[in-house]
Full PDB file with SEQRES, HELIX, SHEET, SSBOND, CRYST1, ORIGX, SCALE, CONECT and MASTER records, all heavy atoms in Angstrom:
SEQRES   1 A   37  GLY LEU SER GLN THR ASP LEU GLY THR ALA VAL GLY GLN          
SEQRES   2 A   37  HIS ILE GLY ARG SER TRP SER ARG GLN ALA VAL SER ALA          
SEQRES   3 A   37  ALA GLU GLN GLY ARG ARG SER PHE THR ALA SER                  
HELIX    1 AA1 GLN A    4  ILE A   15  1                                  12    
HELIX    2 AA2 ARG A   21  GLU A   28  1                                   8    
CRYST1    1.000    1.000    1.000  90.00  90.00  90.00 P 1           1          
ORIGX1      1.000000  0.000000  0.000000        0.00000                         
ORIGX2      0.000000  1.000000  0.000000        0.00000                         
ORIGX3      0.000000  0.000000  1.000000        0.00000                         
SCALE1      1.000000  0.000000  0.000000        0.00000                         
SCALE2      0.000000  1.000000  0.000000        0.00000                         
SCALE3      0.000000  0.000000  1.000000        0.00000                         
ATOM      1  N   GLY A   1      42.415 -89.200-129.726  1.00  0.00           N  
ATOM      2  CA  GLY A   1      42.325 -90.571-130.243  1.00  0.00           C  
ATOM      3  C   GLY A   1      41.996 -91.635-129.255  1.00  0.00           C  
ATOM      4  O   GLY A   1      42.330 -92.821-129.457  1.00  0.00           O  
ATOM      5  N   LEU A   2      41.273 -91.290-128.245  1.00  0.00           N  
ATOM      6  CA  LEU A   2      40.823 -92.165-127.250  1.00  0.00           C  
ATOM      7  C   LEU A   2      39.363 -92.699-127.459  1.00  0.00           C  
ATOM      8  O   LEU A   2      38.554 -91.938-127.874  1.00  0.00           O  
ATOM      9  CB  LEU A   2      40.837 -91.549-125.820  1.00  0.00           C  
ATOM     10  CG  LEU A   2      42.135 -91.053-125.304  1.00  0.00           C  
ATOM     11  CD1 LEU A   2      41.894 -90.209-124.032  1.00  0.00           C  
ATOM     12  CD2 LEU A   2      43.062 -92.260-124.960  1.00  0.00           C  
ATOM     13  N   SER A   3      39.185 -94.009-127.187  1.00  0.00           N  
ATOM     14  CA  SER A   3      37.845 -94.464-127.287  1.00  0.00           C  
ATOM     15  C   SER A   3      37.078 -94.138-125.970  1.00  0.00           C  
ATOM     16  O   SER A   3      37.756 -93.738-125.037  1.00  0.00           O  
ATOM     17  CB  SER A   3      37.801 -96.009-127.510  1.00  0.00           C  
ATOM     18  OG  SER A   3      38.281 -96.677-126.323  1.00  0.00           O  
ATOM     19  N   GLN A   4      35.819 -94.311-125.915  1.00  0.00           N  
ATOM     20  CA  GLN A   4      35.139 -94.069-124.625  1.00  0.00           C  
ATOM     21  C   GLN A   4      35.597 -95.002-123.624  1.00  0.00           C  
ATOM     22  O   GLN A   4      35.727 -94.662-122.427  1.00  0.00           O  
ATOM     23  CB  GLN A   4      33.622 -94.107-124.887  1.00  0.00           C  
ATOM     24  CG  GLN A   4      33.013 -93.013-125.706  1.00  0.00           C  
ATOM     25  CD  GLN A   4      31.536 -93.186-125.934  1.00  0.00           C  
ATOM     26  OE1 GLN A   4      31.029 -94.299-126.007  1.00  0.00           O  
ATOM     27  NE2 GLN A   4      30.919 -92.056-126.149  1.00  0.00           N  
ATOM     28  N   THR A   5      35.865 -96.285-123.935  1.00  0.00           N  
ATOM     29  CA  THR A   5      36.355 -97.248-123.047  1.00  0.00           C  
ATOM     30  C   THR A   5      37.681 -96.834-122.450  1.00  0.00           C  
ATOM     31  O   THR A   5      37.989 -96.941-121.253  1.00  0.00           O  
ATOM     32  CB  THR A   5      36.390 -98.623-123.621  1.00  0.00           C  
ATOM     33  OG1 THR A   5      35.125 -98.959-124.108  1.00  0.00           O  
ATOM     34  CG2 THR A   5      36.912 -99.665-122.648  1.00  0.00           C  
ATOM     35  N   ASP A   6      38.602 -96.423-123.363  1.00  0.00           N  
ATOM     36  CA  ASP A   6      39.958 -95.927-122.953  1.00  0.00           C  
ATOM     37  C   ASP A   6      39.863 -94.820-121.907  1.00  0.00           C  
ATOM     38  O   ASP A   6      40.569 -94.742-120.953  1.00  0.00           O  
ATOM     39  CB  ASP A   6      40.738 -95.419-124.136  1.00  0.00           C  
ATOM     40  CG  ASP A   6      41.078 -96.548-125.122  1.00  0.00           C  
ATOM     41  OD1 ASP A   6      41.066 -97.740-124.783  1.00  0.00           O  
ATOM     42  OD2 ASP A   6      41.340 -96.131-126.337  1.00  0.00           O  
ATOM     43  N   LEU A   7      38.909 -93.855-122.166  1.00  0.00           N  
ATOM     44  CA  LEU A   7      38.827 -92.707-121.305  1.00  0.00           C  
ATOM     45  C   LEU A   7      38.252 -93.236-119.935  1.00  0.00           C  
ATOM     46  O   LEU A   7      38.791 -92.707-118.951  1.00  0.00           O  
ATOM     47  CB  LEU A   7      37.857 -91.591-121.907  1.00  0.00           C  
ATOM     48  CG  LEU A   7      37.554 -90.481-121.019  1.00  0.00           C  
ATOM     49  CD1 LEU A   7      38.908 -89.621-120.766  1.00  0.00           C  
ATOM     50  CD2 LEU A   7      36.587 -89.534-121.621  1.00  0.00           C  
ATOM     51  N   GLY A   8      37.314 -94.058-119.953  1.00  0.00           N  
ATOM     52  CA  GLY A   8      36.709 -94.525-118.697  1.00  0.00           C  
ATOM     53  C   GLY A   8      37.783 -95.230-117.902  1.00  0.00           C  
ATOM     54  O   GLY A   8      37.859 -95.061-116.578  1.00  0.00           O  
ATOM     55  N   THR A   9      38.604 -96.064-118.531  1.00  0.00           N  
ATOM     56  CA  THR A   9      39.742 -96.743-117.790  1.00  0.00           C  
ATOM     57  C   THR A   9      40.722 -95.766-117.308  1.00  0.00           C  
ATOM     58  O   THR A   9      41.152 -95.874-116.105  1.00  0.00           O  
ATOM     59  CB  THR A   9      40.370 -97.732-118.720  1.00  0.00           C  
ATOM     60  OG1 THR A   9      39.423 -98.676-119.197  1.00  0.00           O  
ATOM     61  CG2 THR A   9      41.477 -98.456-118.010  1.00  0.00           C  
ATOM     62  N   ALA A  10      41.113 -94.787-118.040  1.00  0.00           N  
ATOM     63  CA  ALA A  10      42.114 -93.797-117.583  1.00  0.00           C  
ATOM     64  C   ALA A  10      41.543 -92.956-116.497  1.00  0.00           C  
ATOM     65  O   ALA A  10      42.379 -92.607-115.497  1.00  0.00           O  
ATOM     66  CB  ALA A  10      42.542 -92.895-118.786  1.00  0.00           C  
ATOM     67  N   VAL A  11      40.384 -92.523-116.487  1.00  0.00           N  
ATOM     68  CA  VAL A  11      39.766 -91.800-115.413  1.00  0.00           C  
ATOM     69  C   VAL A  11      39.767 -92.563-114.093  1.00  0.00           C  
ATOM     70  O   VAL A  11      40.118 -92.008-113.034  1.00  0.00           O  
ATOM     71  CB  VAL A  11      38.360 -91.302-115.717  1.00  0.00           C  
ATOM     72  CG1 VAL A  11      37.596 -90.890-114.488  1.00  0.00           C  
ATOM     73  CG2 VAL A  11      38.306 -90.267-116.778  1.00  0.00           C  
ATOM     74  N   GLY A  12      39.524 -93.858-114.268  1.00  0.00           N  
ATOM     75  CA  GLY A  12      39.579 -94.787-113.085  1.00  0.00           C  
ATOM     76  C   GLY A  12      40.970 -94.809-112.429  1.00  0.00           C  
ATOM     77  O   GLY A  12      41.013 -95.030-111.169  1.00  0.00           O  
ATOM     78  N   GLN A  13      42.044 -94.601-113.101  1.00  0.00           N  
ATOM     79  CA  GLN A  13      43.306 -94.503-112.501  1.00  0.00           C  
ATOM     80  C   GLN A  13      43.507 -93.405-111.527  1.00  0.00           C  
ATOM     81  O   GLN A  13      44.347 -93.433-110.659  1.00  0.00           O  
ATOM     82  CB  GLN A  13      44.386 -94.576-113.618  1.00  0.00           C  
ATOM     83  CG  GLN A  13      44.462 -95.792-114.452  1.00  0.00           C  
ATOM     84  CD  GLN A  13      45.397 -95.652-115.579  1.00  0.00           C  
ATOM     85  OE1 GLN A  13      46.005 -94.608-115.912  1.00  0.00           O  
ATOM     86  NE2 GLN A  13      45.567 -96.732-116.403  1.00  0.00           N  
ATOM     87  N   HIS A  14      42.683 -92.373-111.730  1.00  0.00           N  
ATOM     88  CA  HIS A  14      42.805 -91.222-110.885  1.00  0.00           C  
ATOM     89  C   HIS A  14      41.813 -91.150-109.759  1.00  0.00           C  
ATOM     90  O   HIS A  14      42.010 -90.562-108.657  1.00  0.00           O  
ATOM     91  CB  HIS A  14      42.625 -89.889-111.757  1.00  0.00           C  
ATOM     92  CG  HIS A  14      43.696 -89.742-112.729  1.00  0.00           C  
ATOM     93  ND1 HIS A  14      44.979 -89.429-112.484  1.00  0.00           N  
ATOM     94  CD2 HIS A  14      43.678 -89.834-114.038  1.00  0.00           C  
ATOM     95  CE1 HIS A  14      45.693 -89.341-113.542  1.00  0.00           C  
ATOM     96  NE2 HIS A  14      44.950 -89.583-114.543  1.00  0.00           N  
ATOM     97  N   ILE A  15      40.653 -91.834-109.920  1.00  0.00           N  
ATOM     98  CA  ILE A  15      39.619 -91.752-108.912  1.00  0.00           C  
ATOM     99  C   ILE A  15      39.295 -93.171-108.262  1.00  0.00           C  
ATOM    100  O   ILE A  15      38.443 -93.220-107.363  1.00  0.00           O  
ATOM    101  CB  ILE A  15      38.302 -91.074-109.428  1.00  0.00           C  
ATOM    102  CG1 ILE A  15      37.715 -91.906-110.591  1.00  0.00           C  
ATOM    103  CG2 ILE A  15      38.533 -89.678-109.750  1.00  0.00           C  
ATOM    104  CD1 ILE A  15      36.388 -91.438-111.035  1.00  0.00           C  
ATOM    105  N   GLY A  16      40.114 -94.101-108.668  1.00  0.00           N  
ATOM    106  CA  GLY A  16      39.942 -95.431-108.040  1.00  0.00           C  
ATOM    107  C   GLY A  16      38.825 -96.333-108.530  1.00  0.00           C  
ATOM    108  O   GLY A  16      38.732 -97.519-108.119  1.00  0.00           O  
ATOM    109  N   ARG A  17      38.056 -95.818-109.546  1.00  0.00           N  
ATOM    110  CA  ARG A  17      37.006 -96.693-110.165  1.00  0.00           C  
ATOM    111  C   ARG A  17      36.836 -96.214-111.551  1.00  0.00           C  
ATOM    112  O   ARG A  17      36.652 -95.010-111.836  1.00  0.00           O  
ATOM    113  CB  ARG A  17      35.703 -96.601-109.347  1.00  0.00           C  
ATOM    114  CG  ARG A  17      35.048 -95.292-109.339  1.00  0.00           C  
ATOM    115  CD  ARG A  17      33.863 -95.196-108.457  1.00  0.00           C  
ATOM    116  NE  ARG A  17      33.091 -93.946-108.353  1.00  0.00           N  
ATOM    117  CZ  ARG A  17      33.565 -92.712-108.500  1.00  0.00           C  
ATOM    118  NH1 ARG A  17      34.813 -92.455-108.731  1.00  0.00           N  
ATOM    119  NH2 ARG A  17      32.825 -91.664-108.329  1.00  0.00           N  
ATOM    120  N   SER A  18      36.859 -97.194-112.511  1.00  0.00           N  
ATOM    121  CA  SER A  18      36.757 -96.869-113.805  1.00  0.00           C  
ATOM    122  C   SER A  18      35.273 -96.541-114.283  1.00  0.00           C  
ATOM    123  O   SER A  18      34.321 -96.944-113.588  1.00  0.00           O  
ATOM    124  CB  SER A  18      37.154 -98.066-114.790  1.00  0.00           C  
ATOM    125  OG  SER A  18      38.534 -98.330-114.590  1.00  0.00           O  
ATOM    126  N   TRP A  19      35.128 -95.700-115.301  1.00  0.00           N  
ATOM    127  CA  TRP A  19      33.808 -95.432-115.827  1.00  0.00           C  
ATOM    128  C   TRP A  19      33.638 -96.373-116.987  1.00  0.00           C  
ATOM    129  O   TRP A  19      34.513 -96.668-117.751  1.00  0.00           O  
ATOM    130  CB  TRP A  19      33.774 -93.995-116.431  1.00  0.00           C  
ATOM    131  CG  TRP A  19      33.760 -92.899-115.427  1.00  0.00           C  
ATOM    132  CD1 TRP A  19      33.832 -92.933-114.021  1.00  0.00           C  
ATOM    133  CD2 TRP A  19      33.699 -91.494-115.728  1.00  0.00           C  
ATOM    134  NE1 TRP A  19      33.795 -91.723-113.546  1.00  0.00           N  
ATOM    135  CE2 TRP A  19      33.722 -90.785-114.550  1.00  0.00           C  
ATOM    136  CE3 TRP A  19      33.631 -90.781-116.890  1.00  0.00           C  
ATOM    137  CZ2 TRP A  19      33.641 -89.413-114.480  1.00  0.00           C  
ATOM    138  CZ3 TRP A  19      33.573 -89.454-116.854  1.00  0.00           C  
ATOM    139  CH2 TRP A  19      33.550 -88.741-115.628  1.00  0.00           C  
ATOM    140  N   SER A  20      32.399 -96.903-117.058  1.00  0.00           N  
ATOM    141  CA  SER A  20      32.036 -97.782-118.160  1.00  0.00           C  
ATOM    142  C   SER A  20      31.942 -96.974-119.443  1.00  0.00           C  
ATOM    143  O   SER A  20      31.846 -95.685-119.372  1.00  0.00           O  
ATOM    144  CB  SER A  20      30.658 -98.491-117.916  1.00  0.00           C  
ATOM    145  OG  SER A  20      29.643 -97.575-117.899  1.00  0.00           O  
ATOM    146  N   ARG A  21      31.929 -97.645-120.580  1.00  0.00           N  
ATOM    147  CA  ARG A  21      31.784 -96.950-121.875  1.00  0.00           C  
ATOM    148  C   ARG A  21      30.395 -96.220-121.823  1.00  0.00           C  
ATOM    149  O   ARG A  21      30.315 -95.092-122.233  1.00  0.00           O  
ATOM    150  CB  ARG A  21      31.737 -97.890-123.003  1.00  0.00           C  
ATOM    151  CG  ARG A  21      31.733 -97.177-124.365  1.00  0.00           C  
ATOM    152  CD  ARG A  21      31.376 -98.166-125.509  1.00  0.00           C  
ATOM    153  NE  ARG A  21      30.133 -98.743-125.361  1.00  0.00           N  
ATOM    154  CZ  ARG A  21      28.853 -98.150-125.474  1.00  0.00           C  
ATOM    155  NH1 ARG A  21      28.866 -96.930-125.857  1.00  0.00           N  
ATOM    156  NH2 ARG A  21      27.763 -98.847-125.384  1.00  0.00           N  
ATOM    157  N   GLN A  22      29.408 -96.806-121.201  1.00  0.00           N  
ATOM    158  CA  GLN A  22      28.064 -96.196-121.103  1.00  0.00           C  
ATOM    159  C   GLN A  22      28.081 -94.998-120.271  1.00  0.00           C  
ATOM    160  O   GLN A  22      27.381 -94.003-120.534  1.00  0.00           O  
ATOM    161  CB  GLN A  22      27.049 -97.203-120.554  1.00  0.00           C  
ATOM    162  CG  GLN A  22      26.716 -98.376-121.492  1.00  0.00           C  
ATOM    163  CD  GLN A  22      27.766 -99.511-121.359  1.00  0.00           C  
ATOM    164  OE1 GLN A  22      28.741 -99.443-120.665  1.00  0.00           O  
ATOM    165  NE2 GLN A  22      27.514-100.570-122.155  1.00  0.00           N  
ATOM    166  N   ALA A  23      28.910 -95.016-119.144  1.00  0.00           N  
ATOM    167  CA  ALA A  23      29.026 -93.838-118.263  1.00  0.00           C  
ATOM    168  C   ALA A  23      29.719 -92.658-119.040  1.00  0.00           C  
ATOM    169  O   ALA A  23      29.236 -91.490-118.873  1.00  0.00           O  
ATOM    170  CB  ALA A  23      29.787 -94.174-116.975  1.00  0.00           C  
ATOM    171  N   VAL A  24      30.638 -92.957-119.825  1.00  0.00           N  
ATOM    172  CA  VAL A  24      31.383 -91.910-120.585  1.00  0.00           C  
ATOM    173  C   VAL A  24      30.371 -91.319-121.590  1.00  0.00           C  
ATOM    174  O   VAL A  24      30.293 -90.136-121.805  1.00  0.00           O  
ATOM    175  CB  VAL A  24      32.646 -92.470-121.274  1.00  0.00           C  
ATOM    176  CG1 VAL A  24      33.268 -91.466-122.210  1.00  0.00           C  
ATOM    177  CG2 VAL A  24      33.704 -92.880-120.147  1.00  0.00           C  
ATOM    178  N   SER A  25      29.636 -92.196-122.279  1.00  0.00           N  
ATOM    179  CA  SER A  25      28.699 -91.761-123.257  1.00  0.00           C  
ATOM    180  C   SER A  25      27.641 -90.805-122.622  1.00  0.00           C  
ATOM    181  O   SER A  25      27.295 -89.771-123.261  1.00  0.00           O  
ATOM    182  CB  SER A  25      27.954 -92.984-123.916  1.00  0.00           C  
ATOM    183  OG  SER A  25      27.045 -92.536-124.844  1.00  0.00           O  
ATOM    184  N   ALA A  26      27.137 -91.212-121.525  1.00  0.00           N  
ATOM    185  CA  ALA A  26      26.164 -90.458-120.774  1.00  0.00           C  
ATOM    186  C   ALA A  26      26.756 -89.101-120.387  1.00  0.00           C  
ATOM    187  O   ALA A  26      26.055 -88.030-120.576  1.00  0.00           O  
ATOM    188  CB  ALA A  26      25.591 -91.177-119.550  1.00  0.00           C  
ATOM    189  N   ALA A  27      27.980 -89.128-119.972  1.00  0.00           N  
ATOM    190  CA  ALA A  27      28.615 -87.848-119.468  1.00  0.00           C  
ATOM    191  C   ALA A  27      28.820 -86.890-120.839  1.00  0.00           C  
ATOM    192  O   ALA A  27      28.584 -85.761-120.748  1.00  0.00           O  
ATOM    193  CB  ALA A  27      29.960 -88.122-118.944  1.00  0.00           C  
ATOM    194  N   GLU A  28      29.233 -87.476-121.961  1.00  0.00           N  
ATOM    195  CA  GLU A  28      29.458 -86.722-123.137  1.00  0.00           C  
ATOM    196  C   GLU A  28      28.158 -86.129-123.658  1.00  0.00           C  
ATOM    197  O   GLU A  28      28.112 -85.114-124.327  1.00  0.00           O  
ATOM    198  CB  GLU A  28      30.091 -87.633-124.164  1.00  0.00           C  
ATOM    199  CG  GLU A  28      31.561 -87.847-123.902  1.00  0.00           C  
ATOM    200  CD  GLU A  28      32.238 -88.744-124.940  1.00  0.00           C  
ATOM    201  OE1 GLU A  28      31.624 -89.312-125.844  1.00  0.00           O  
ATOM    202  OE2 GLU A  28      33.492 -88.842-124.891  1.00  0.00           O  
ATOM    203  N   GLN A  29      27.015 -86.775-123.378  1.00  0.00           N  
ATOM    204  CA  GLN A  29      25.748 -86.204-123.842  1.00  0.00           C  
ATOM    205  C   GLN A  29      25.062 -85.352-122.746  1.00  0.00           C  
ATOM    206  O   GLN A  29      23.981 -84.908-123.057  1.00  0.00           O  
ATOM    207  CB  GLN A  29      24.815 -87.469-124.143  1.00  0.00           C  
ATOM    208  CG  GLN A  29      25.236 -88.308-125.315  1.00  0.00           C  
ATOM    209  CD  GLN A  29      24.433 -89.560-125.457  1.00  0.00           C  
ATOM    210  OE1 GLN A  29      23.242 -89.621-125.116  1.00  0.00           O  
ATOM    211  NE2 GLN A  29      25.029 -90.573-125.945  1.00  0.00           N  
ATOM    212  N   GLY A  30      25.799 -85.046-121.719  1.00  0.00           N  
ATOM    213  CA  GLY A  30      25.252 -84.183-120.704  1.00  0.00           C  
ATOM    214  C   GLY A  30      24.236 -84.756-119.779  1.00  0.00           C  
ATOM    215  O   GLY A  30      23.407 -84.010-119.191  1.00  0.00           O  
ATOM    216  N   ARG A  31      24.189 -86.067-119.693  1.00  0.00           N  
ATOM    217  CA  ARG A  31      23.212 -86.742-118.877  1.00  0.00           C  
ATOM    218  C   ARG A  31      23.805 -87.253-117.573  1.00  0.00           C  
ATOM    219  O   ARG A  31      23.261 -88.187-116.994  1.00  0.00           O  
ATOM    220  CB  ARG A  31      22.591 -87.912-119.635  1.00  0.00           C  
ATOM    221  CG  ARG A  31      21.820 -87.554-120.887  1.00  0.00           C  
ATOM    222  CD  ARG A  31      21.240 -88.758-121.563  1.00  0.00           C  
ATOM    223  NE  ARG A  31      22.414 -89.740-121.763  1.00  0.00           N  
ATOM    224  CZ  ARG A  31      22.264 -90.896-122.058  1.00  0.00           C  
ATOM    225  NH1 ARG A  31      21.161 -91.524-122.190  1.00  0.00           N  
ATOM    226  NH2 ARG A  31      23.382 -91.699-122.277  1.00  0.00           N  
ATOM    227  N   ARG A  32      24.879 -86.616-117.158  1.00  0.00           N  
ATOM    228  CA  ARG A  32      25.554 -87.039-115.958  1.00  0.00           C  
ATOM    229  C   ARG A  32      26.081 -85.837-115.250  1.00  0.00           C  
ATOM    230  O   ARG A  32      26.587 -84.928-115.821  1.00  0.00           O  
ATOM    231  CB  ARG A  32      26.686 -88.010-116.234  1.00  0.00           C  
ATOM    232  CG  ARG A  32      27.485 -88.557-115.111  1.00  0.00           C  
ATOM    233  CD  ARG A  32      28.649 -89.311-115.702  1.00  0.00           C  
ATOM    234  NE  ARG A  32      29.273 -90.128-114.669  1.00  0.00           N  
ATOM    235  CZ  ARG A  32      30.059 -89.815-113.802  1.00  0.00           C  
ATOM    236  NH1 ARG A  32      30.397 -88.531-113.659  1.00  0.00           N  
ATOM    237  NH2 ARG A  32      30.543 -90.671-112.943  1.00  0.00           N  
ATOM    238  N   SER A  33      25.962 -85.736-113.903  1.00  0.00           N  
ATOM    239  CA  SER A  33      26.580 -84.690-113.114  1.00  0.00           C  
ATOM    240  C   SER A  33      28.016 -85.042-112.939  1.00  0.00           C  
ATOM    241  O   SER A  33      28.363 -86.215-112.908  1.00  0.00           O  
ATOM    242  CB  SER A  33      25.881 -84.456-111.863  1.00  0.00           C  
ATOM    243  OG  SER A  33      24.505 -84.049-112.118  1.00  0.00           O  
ATOM    244  N   PHE A  34      28.849 -84.052-112.620  1.00  0.00           N  
ATOM    245  CA  PHE A  34      30.269 -84.259-112.330  1.00  0.00           C  
ATOM    246  C   PHE A  34      30.609 -83.778-110.911  1.00  0.00           C  
ATOM    247  O   PHE A  34      30.274 -82.686-110.514  1.00  0.00           O  
ATOM    248  CB  PHE A  34      31.093 -83.460-113.361  1.00  0.00           C  
ATOM    249  CG  PHE A  34      30.884 -83.908-114.779  1.00  0.00           C  
ATOM    250  CD1 PHE A  34      29.916 -83.283-115.552  1.00  0.00           C  
ATOM    251  CD2 PHE A  34      31.598 -84.942-115.346  1.00  0.00           C  
ATOM    252  CE1 PHE A  34      29.712 -83.572-116.892  1.00  0.00           C  
ATOM    253  CE2 PHE A  34      31.417 -85.286-116.686  1.00  0.00           C  
ATOM    254  CZ  PHE A  34      30.417 -84.655-117.375  1.00  0.00           C  
ATOM    255  N   THR A  35      31.383 -84.620-110.251  1.00  0.00           N  
ATOM    256  CA  THR A  35      31.939 -84.192-108.963  1.00  0.00           C  
ATOM    257  C   THR A  35      33.252 -83.465-109.219  1.00  0.00           C  
ATOM    258  O   THR A  35      33.770 -83.563-110.272  1.00  0.00           O  
ATOM    259  CB  THR A  35      32.166 -85.451-108.048  1.00  0.00           C  
ATOM    260  OG1 THR A  35      33.278 -86.222-108.655  1.00  0.00           O  
ATOM    261  CG2 THR A  35      30.964 -86.326-107.854  1.00  0.00           C  
ATOM    262  N   ALA A  36      33.753 -82.869-108.198  1.00  0.00           N  
ATOM    263  CA  ALA A  36      35.072 -82.182-108.277  1.00  0.00           C  
ATOM    264  C   ALA A  36      36.134 -83.217-108.560  1.00  0.00           C  
ATOM    265  O   ALA A  36      37.040 -82.967-109.425  1.00  0.00           O  
ATOM    266  CB  ALA A  36      35.346 -81.441-106.924  1.00  0.00           C  
ATOM    267  N   SER A  37      36.011 -84.412-107.990  1.00  0.00           N  
ATOM    268  CA  SER A  37      36.930 -85.458-108.312  1.00  0.00           C  
ATOM    269  C   SER A  37      36.957 -85.842-109.810  1.00  0.00           C  
ATOM    270  O   SER A  37      37.927 -86.058-110.429  1.00  0.00           O  
ATOM    271  CB  SER A  37      36.704 -86.714-107.500  1.00  0.00           C  
ATOM    272  OG  SER A  37      36.962 -86.435-106.094  1.00  0.00           O  
TER     273      SER A  37                                                      
MASTER        0    0    0    2    0    0    0    6  272    1    0    3          
END                                                                             
């Protein structure tokens, strides 16, 4: 039940920088590489 914005903010709590809604959207569409972090 998370929005893309909610997910981006929550990820930021673990890696020190939030993901924008657009970054989450790009990741969900497979247009973004992922680091181990």
